[in-house]
């Protein structure tokens, strides 16, 4: 998971691409994304790899009060 965490931290542009979504990272790639956690996890799971699932926060522009 360290590899995935480090990759995520070095790619802040992901926030602009996936606001409010869950992203699944394996190695140095986003392998699945979406608003439904279970669907993202199911799509990303592989027998030999455990994905890192991260919830991308909404930016201020997407927050509606």
PDB file of N, CA and C in Angstrom:
ATOM      1  N   UNK A   1       0.808  -1.205   0.000  1.00  0.00           N
ATOM      2  CA  UNK A   1       0.000   0.000   0.000  1.00  0.00           C
ATOM      3  C   UNK A   1       0.851   1.269   0.000  1.00  0.00           C
ATOM      4  N   UNK A   2       2.085   1.162   0.455  1.00  0.00           N
ATOM      5  CA  UNK A   2       2.940   2.349   0.459  1.00  0.00           C
ATOM      6  C   UNK A   2       3.142   2.908  -0.939  1.00  0.00           C
ATOM      7  N   UNK A   3       3.314   2.022  -1.911  1.00  0.00           N
ATOM      8  CA  UNK A   3       3.513   2.454  -3.295  1.00  0.00           C
ATOM      9  C   UNK A   3       2.297   3.252  -3.773  1.00  0.00           C
ATOM     10  N   UNK A   4       1.111   2.730  -3.497  1.00  0.00           N
ATOM     11  CA  UNK A   4      -0.124   3.406  -3.911  1.00  0.00           C
ATOM     12  C   UNK A   4      -0.303   4.739  -3.191  1.00  0.00           C
ATOM     13  N   UNK A   5      -0.034   4.772  -1.886  1.00  0.00           N
ATOM     14  CA  UNK A   5      -0.141   6.019  -1.122  1.00  0.00           C
ATOM     15  C   UNK A   5       0.809   7.078  -1.656  1.00  0.00           C
ATOM     16  N   UNK A   6       2.044   6.695  -1.899  1.00  0.00           N
ATOM     17  CA  UNK A   6       3.030   7.644  -2.419  1.00  0.00           C
ATOM     18  C   UNK A   6       2.629   8.155  -3.795  1.00  0.00           C
ATOM     19  N   UNK A   7       2.118   7.254  -4.637  1.00  0.00           N
ATOM     20  CA  UNK A   7       1.687   7.665  -5.965  1.00  0.00           C
ATOM     21  C   UNK A   7       0.515   8.646  -5.871  1.00  0.00           C
ATOM     22  N   UNK A   8      -0.437   8.353  -5.003  1.00  0.00           N
ATOM     23  CA  UNK A   8      -1.591   9.234  -4.818  1.00  0.00           C
ATOM     24  C   UNK A   8      -1.154  10.624  -4.357  1.00  0.00           C
ATOM     25  N   UNK A   9      -0.244  10.670  -3.394  1.00  0.00           N
ATOM     26  CA  UNK A   9       0.236  11.955  -2.880  1.00  0.00           C
ATOM     27  C   UNK A   9       0.986  12.765  -3.933  1.00  0.00           C
ATOM     28  N   UNK A  10       1.601  12.096  -4.875  1.00  0.00           N
ATOM     29  CA  UNK A  10       2.359  12.806  -5.906  1.00  0.00           C
ATOM     30  C   UNK A  10       1.504  13.171  -7.124  1.00  0.00           C
ATOM     31  N   UNK A  11       0.205  12.884  -7.080  1.00  0.00           N
ATOM     32  CA  UNK A  11      -0.704  13.196  -8.194  1.00  0.00           C
ATOM     33  C   UNK A  11      -1.954  13.931  -7.698  1.00  0.00           C
ATOM     34  N   UNK A  12      -1.781  15.155  -7.216  1.00  0.00           N
ATOM     35  CA  UNK A  12      -2.936  15.913  -6.702  1.00  0.00           C
ATOM     36  C   UNK A  12      -3.955  16.276  -7.777  1.00  0.00           C
ATOM     37  N   UNK A  13      -3.586  16.165  -9.048  1.00  0.00           N
ATOM     38  CA  UNK A  13      -4.530  16.474 -10.126  1.00  0.00           C
ATOM     39  C   UNK A  13      -5.714  15.516 -10.149  1.00  0.00           C
ATOM     40  N   UNK A  14      -5.607  14.388  -9.438  1.00  0.00           N
ATOM     41  CA  UNK A  14      -6.726  13.444  -9.376  1.00  0.00           C
ATOM     42  C   UNK A  14      -7.966  14.084  -8.775  1.00  0.00           C
ATOM     43  N   UNK A  15      -7.765  15.038  -7.900  1.00  0.00           N
ATOM     44  CA  UNK A  15      -8.898  15.715  -7.269  1.00  0.00           C
ATOM     45  C   UNK A  15      -9.751  16.404  -8.328  1.00  0.00           C
ATOM     46  N   UNK A  16      -9.117  16.969  -9.331  1.00  0.00           N
ATOM     47  CA  UNK A  16      -9.858  17.653 -10.393  1.00  0.00           C
ATOM     48  C   UNK A  16     -10.604  16.670 -11.289  1.00  0.00           C
ATOM     49  N   UNK A  17     -10.084  15.456 -11.451  1.00  0.00           N
ATOM     50  CA  UNK A  17     -10.705  14.481 -12.346  1.00  0.00           C
ATOM     51  C   UNK A  17     -11.824  13.666 -11.700  1.00  0.00           C
ATOM     52  N   UNK A  18     -11.747  13.458 -10.379  1.00  0.00           N
ATOM     53  CA  UNK A  18     -12.696  12.556  -9.713  1.00  0.00           C
ATOM     54  C   UNK A  18     -13.319  13.163  -8.451  1.00  0.00           C
ATOM     55  N   UNK A  19     -13.802  14.410  -8.486  1.00  0.00           N
ATOM     56  CA  UNK A  19     -14.349  15.004  -7.261  1.00  0.00           C
ATOM     57  C   UNK A  19     -15.568  14.237  -6.742  1.00  0.00           C
ATOM     58  N   UNK A  20     -15.552  13.915  -5.467  1.00  0.00           N
ATOM     59  CA  UNK A  20     -16.670  13.236  -4.838  1.00  0.00           C
ATOM     60  C   UNK A  20     -16.765  11.754  -5.152  1.00  0.00           C
ATOM     61  N   UNK A  21     -15.761  11.201  -5.817  1.00  0.00           N
ATOM     62  CA  UNK A  21     -15.797   9.788  -6.187  1.00  0.00           C
ATOM     63  C   UNK A  21     -14.781   8.989  -5.370  1.00  0.00           C
ATOM     64  N   UNK A  22     -15.008   7.683  -5.341  1.00  0.00           N
ATOM     65  CA  UNK A  22     -14.010   6.756  -4.817  1.00  0.00           C
ATOM     66  C   UNK A  22     -13.102   6.388  -5.976  1.00  0.00           C
ATOM     67  N   UNK A  23     -11.801   6.322  -5.708  1.00  0.00           N
ATOM     68  CA  UNK A  23     -10.877   5.838  -6.722  1.00  0.00           C
ATOM     69  C   UNK A  23     -10.131   4.634  -6.153  1.00  0.00           C
ATOM     70  N   UNK A  24      -9.897   3.668  -7.007  1.00  0.00           N
ATOM     71  CA  UNK A  24      -9.140   2.474  -6.620  1.00  0.00           C
ATOM     72  C   UNK A  24      -7.801   2.535  -7.334  1.00  0.00           C
ATOM     73  N   UNK A  25      -6.727   2.429  -6.555  1.00  0.00           N
ATOM     74  CA  UNK A  25      -5.382   2.516  -7.100  1.00  0.00           C
ATOM     75  C   UNK A  25      -4.671   1.194  -6.864  1.00  0.00           C
ATOM     76  N   UNK A  26      -4.061   0.690  -7.924  1.00  0.00           N
ATOM     77  CA  UNK A  26      -3.206  -0.490  -7.838  1.00  0.00           C
ATOM     78  C   UNK A  26      -1.888  -0.104  -8.499  1.00  0.00           C
ATOM     79  N   UNK A  27      -0.800  -0.232  -7.746  1.00  0.00           N
ATOM     80  CA  UNK A  27       0.499   0.178  -8.275  1.00  0.00           C
ATOM     81  C   UNK A  27       0.510   1.673  -8.504  1.00  0.00           C
ATOM     82  N   UNK A  28       0.645   2.060  -9.744  1.00  0.00           N
ATOM     83  CA  UNK A  28       0.674   3.483 -10.092  1.00  0.00           C
ATOM     84  C   UNK A  28      -0.411   3.816 -11.110  1.00  0.00           C
ATOM     85  N   UNK A  29      -1.605   3.248 -10.886  1.00  0.00           N
ATOM     86  CA  UNK A  29      -2.715   3.462 -11.812  1.00  0.00           C
ATOM     87  C   UNK A  29      -4.048   3.493 -11.083  1.00  0.00           C
ATOM     88  N   UNK A  30      -4.943   4.317 -11.585  1.00  0.00           N
ATOM     89  CA  UNK A  30      -6.333   4.275 -11.150  1.00  0.00           C
ATOM     90  C   UNK A  30      -6.981   3.174 -11.968  1.00  0.00           C
ATOM     91  N   UNK A  31      -7.467   2.142 -11.293  1.00  0.00           N
ATOM     92  CA  UNK A  31      -8.048   0.992 -11.992  1.00  0.00           C
ATOM     93  C   UNK A  31      -9.577   0.993 -11.971  1.00  0.00           C
ATOM     94  N   UNK A  32     -10.170   1.833 -11.124  1.00  0.00           N
ATOM     95  CA  UNK A  32     -11.631   1.946 -11.069  1.00  0.00           C
ATOM     96  C   UNK A  32     -11.973   3.247 -10.357  1.00  0.00           C
ATOM     97  N   UNK A  33     -13.154   3.773 -10.663  1.00  0.00           N
ATOM     98  CA  UNK A  33     -13.631   4.966  -9.955  1.00  0.00           C
ATOM     99  C   UNK A  33     -15.146   5.037 -10.067  1.00  0.00           C
ATOM    100  N   UNK A  34     -15.751   5.746  -9.130  1.00  0.00           N
ATOM    101  CA  UNK A  34     -17.194   5.917  -9.141  1.00  0.00           C
ATOM    102  C   UNK A  34     -17.708   6.378  -7.799  1.00  0.00           C
ATOM    103  N   UNK A  35     -18.996   6.613  -7.720  1.00  0.00           N
ATOM    104  CA  UNK A  35     -19.599   7.115  -6.487  1.00  0.00           C
ATOM    105  C   UNK A  35     -20.017   6.007  -5.529  1.00  0.00           C
ATOM    106  N   UNK A  36     -20.065   4.766  -5.991  1.00  0.00           N
ATOM    107  CA  UNK A  36     -20.484   3.641  -5.166  1.00  0.00           C
ATOM    108  C   UNK A  36     -19.259   2.849  -4.713  1.00  0.00           C
ATOM    109  N   UNK A  37     -18.986   2.883  -3.411  1.00  0.00           N
ATOM    110  CA  UNK A  37     -17.794   2.237  -2.854  1.00  0.00           C
ATOM    111  C   UNK A  37     -17.729   0.757  -3.212  1.00  0.00           C
ATOM    112  N   UNK A  38     -18.828   0.035  -2.997  1.00  0.00           N
ATOM    113  CA  UNK A  38     -18.832  -1.411  -3.240  1.00  0.00           C
ATOM    114  C   UNK A  38     -18.576  -1.739  -4.711  1.00  0.00           C
ATOM    115  N   UNK A  39     -19.138  -0.955  -5.613  1.00  0.00           N
ATOM    116  CA  UNK A  39     -18.937  -1.203  -7.046  1.00  0.00           C
ATOM    117  C   UNK A  39     -17.482  -0.954  -7.440  1.00  0.00           C
ATOM    118  N   UNK A  40     -16.890   0.100  -6.902  1.00  0.00           N
ATOM    119  CA  UNK A  40     -15.485   0.400  -7.195  1.00  0.00           C
ATOM    120  C   UNK A  40     -14.591  -0.709  -6.657  1.00  0.00           C
ATOM    121  N   UNK A  41     -14.845  -1.139  -5.428  1.00  0.00           N
ATOM    122  CA  UNK A  41     -14.051  -2.212  -4.831  1.00  0.00           C
ATOM    123  C   UNK A  41     -14.183  -3.499  -5.644  1.00  0.00           C
ATOM    124  N   UNK A  42     -15.398  -3.850  -6.026  1.00  0.00           N
ATOM    125  CA  UNK A  42     -15.620  -5.077  -6.797  1.00  0.00           C
ATOM    126  C   UNK A  42     -14.889  -5.031  -8.138  1.00  0.00           C
ATOM    127  N   UNK A  43     -14.932  -3.887  -8.802  1.00  0.00           N
ATOM    128  CA  UNK A  43     -14.259  -3.746 -10.095  1.00  0.00           C
ATOM    129  C   UNK A  43     -12.731  -3.805  -9.953  1.00  0.00           C
ATOM    130  N   UNK A  44     -12.207  -3.310  -8.843  1.00  0.00           N
ATOM    131  CA  UNK A  44     -10.760  -3.205  -8.668  1.00  0.00           C
ATOM    132  C   UNK A  44     -10.105  -4.443  -8.074  1.00  0.00           C
ATOM    133  N   UNK A  45     -10.878  -5.274  -7.372  1.00  0.00           N
ATOM    134  CA  UNK A  45     -10.288  -6.432  -6.691  1.00  0.00           C
ATOM    135  C   UNK A  45      -9.723  -7.440  -7.679  1.00  0.00           C
ATOM    136  N   UNK A  46      -8.524  -7.907  -7.354  1.00  0.00           N
ATOM    137  CA  UNK A  46      -7.854  -8.955  -8.109  1.00  0.00           C
ATOM    138  C   UNK A  46      -7.300  -9.954  -7.103  1.00  0.00           C
ATOM    139  N   UNK A  47      -7.216 -11.224  -7.455  1.00  0.00           N
ATOM    140  CA  UNK A  47      -6.698 -12.218  -6.501  1.00  0.00           C
ATOM    141  C   UNK A  47      -5.273 -11.924  -6.026  1.00  0.00           C
ATOM    142  N   UNK A  48      -4.472 -11.323  -6.877  1.00  0.00           N
ATOM    143  CA  UNK A  48      -3.067 -11.104  -6.542  1.00  0.00           C
ATOM    144  C   UNK A  48      -2.734  -9.675  -6.118  1.00  0.00           C
ATOM    145  N   UNK A  49      -3.725  -8.774  -6.102  1.00  0.00           N
ATOM    146  CA  UNK A  49      -3.466  -7.369  -5.760  1.00  0.00           C
ATOM    147  C   UNK A  49      -4.597  -6.811  -4.916  1.00  0.00           C
ATOM    148  N   UNK A  50      -4.234  -6.066  -3.901  1.00  0.00           N
ATOM    149  CA  UNK A  50      -5.225  -5.399  -3.068  1.00  0.00           C
ATOM    150  C   UNK A  50      -5.210  -3.910  -3.404  1.00  0.00           C
ATOM    151  N   UNK A  51      -6.335  -3.356  -3.861  1.00  0.00           N
ATOM    152  CA  UNK A  51      -6.346  -1.946  -4.238  1.00  0.00           C
ATOM    153  C   UNK A  51      -6.403  -1.017  -3.026  1.00  0.00           C
ATOM    154  N   UNK A  52      -5.891   0.167  -3.204  1.00  0.00           N
ATOM    155  CA  UNK A  52      -6.067   1.245  -2.244  1.00  0.00           C
ATOM    156  C   UNK A  52      -7.303   2.008  -2.690  1.00  0.00           C
ATOM    157  N   UNK A  53      -8.298   2.124  -1.823  1.00  0.00           N
ATOM    158  CA  UNK A  53      -9.510   2.871  -2.148  1.00  0.00           C
ATOM    159  C   UNK A  53      -9.439   4.208  -1.419  1.00  0.00           C
ATOM    160  N   UNK A  54      -9.626   5.279  -2.166  1.00  0.00           N
ATOM    161  CA  UNK A  54      -9.535   6.630  -1.610  1.00  0.00           C
ATOM    162  C   UNK A  54     -10.764   7.419  -2.041  1.00  0.00           C
ATOM    163  N   UNK A  55     -11.362   8.143  -1.112  1.00  0.00           N
ATOM    164  CA  UNK A  55     -12.508   9.015  -1.436  1.00  0.00           C
ATOM    165  C   UNK A  55     -11.965  10.406  -1.727  1.00  0.00           C
ATOM    166  N   UNK A  56     -12.145  10.864  -2.941  1.00  0.00           N
ATOM    167  CA  UNK A  56     -11.691  12.189  -3.342  1.00  0.00           C
ATOM    168  C   UNK A  56     -12.720  13.200  -2.836  1.00  0.00           C
ATOM    169  N   UNK A  57     -12.283  14.196  -2.080  1.00  0.00           N
ATOM    170  CA  UNK A  57     -13.242  15.177  -1.566  1.00  0.00           C
ATOM    171  C   UNK A  57     -13.780  16.071  -2.676  1.00  0.00           C
ATOM    172  N   UNK A  58     -14.955  16.618  -2.437  1.00  0.00           N
ATOM    173  CA  UNK A  58     -15.506  17.609  -3.355  1.00  0.00           C
ATOM    174  C   UNK A  58     -14.696  18.887  -3.232  1.00  0.00           C
ATOM    175  N   UNK A  59     -14.555  19.601  -4.346  1.00  0.00           N
ATOM    176  CA  UNK A  59     -13.926  20.917  -4.275  1.00  0.00           C
ATOM    177  C   UNK A  59     -14.994  21.906  -3.830  1.00  0.00           C
ATOM    178  N   UNK A  60     -14.581  23.084  -3.461  1.00  0.00           N
ATOM    179  CA  UNK A  60     -15.518  24.116  -3.012  1.00  0.00           C
ATOM    180  C   UNK A  60     -16.584  24.423  -4.065  1.00  0.00           C
ATOM    181  N   UNK A  61     -16.243  24.284  -5.342  1.00  0.00           N
ATOM    182  CA  UNK A  61     -17.171  24.605  -6.417  1.00  0.00           C
ATOM    183  C   UNK A  61     -18.324  23.612  -6.506  1.00  0.00           C
ATOM    184  N   UNK A  62     -18.116  22.364  -6.058  1.00  0.00           N
ATOM    185  CA  UNK A  62     -19.152  21.347  -6.144  1.00  0.00           C
ATOM    186  C   UNK A  62     -20.048  21.280  -4.903  1.00  0.00           C
ATOM    187  N   UNK A  63     -19.669  21.957  -3.840  1.00  0.00           N
ATOM    188  CA  UNK A  63     -20.455  21.888  -2.609  1.00  0.00           C
ATOM    189  C   UNK A  63     -21.674  22.812  -2.735  1.00  0.00           C
ATOM    190  N   UNK A  64     -22.850  22.237  -2.574  1.00  0.00           N
ATOM    191  CA  UNK A  64     -24.082  23.006  -2.648  1.00  0.00           C
ATOM    192  C   UNK A  64     -24.731  22.955  -1.282  1.00  0.00           C
ATOM    193  N   UNK A  65     -25.082  24.124  -0.776  1.00  0.00           N
ATOM    194  CA  UNK A  65     -25.681  24.198   0.557  1.00  0.00           C
ATOM    195  C   UNK A  65     -27.157  24.453   0.432  1.00  0.00           C
TER     196      UNK A  65
END
